[in-house]
Amino acid sequence: MTLPAAVALALCLAVSYAAAADTPAVKPPPDLSKGEALFNSRCAACHGIGAKGTPVGPPFLDKIYEPNHHADSAFYRAPEMGVRAHHWTFGDMPKIPGINRDDLTQIIAYIRWLQKQAGIF
């Protein structure tokens, strides 16, 4: 194998590994596809694809967000009203304009599925 071919192969493997690390191991069931799409369009910019967090927003795959500590009502309230930072140093979460209860119900179901997959509860 030539050096350029070896370098190209190494780069391809590195890119494939990085892409796989950001992809959930299991696709959500079809009934959660709307929640996944809504999460990706409305929440992932701050909370990351797969709810893994970003430099500007916390991950929802942390024990702090399990249902006995953050009930579904907290997940409704945060985007509807905004919330002051209280567990993390990311700053306050602003109110999300234009989000409705039906969309939030779908998003919360998707988040809870991700948490179950991660062994949070």
Foldseek 3Di string as FASTA:
>chain_A
DDPVVVVVVVVVVVVVVVVVVQDDPDDDPPVLPLLLVLCVVQPCVAQNRLSCGDPQHHRCLDLCNPCVNNNLVNLVCCQQQWAADDPDDNGTRHHNPPDDPVNSVSNVVSSVVSNVVSVSD
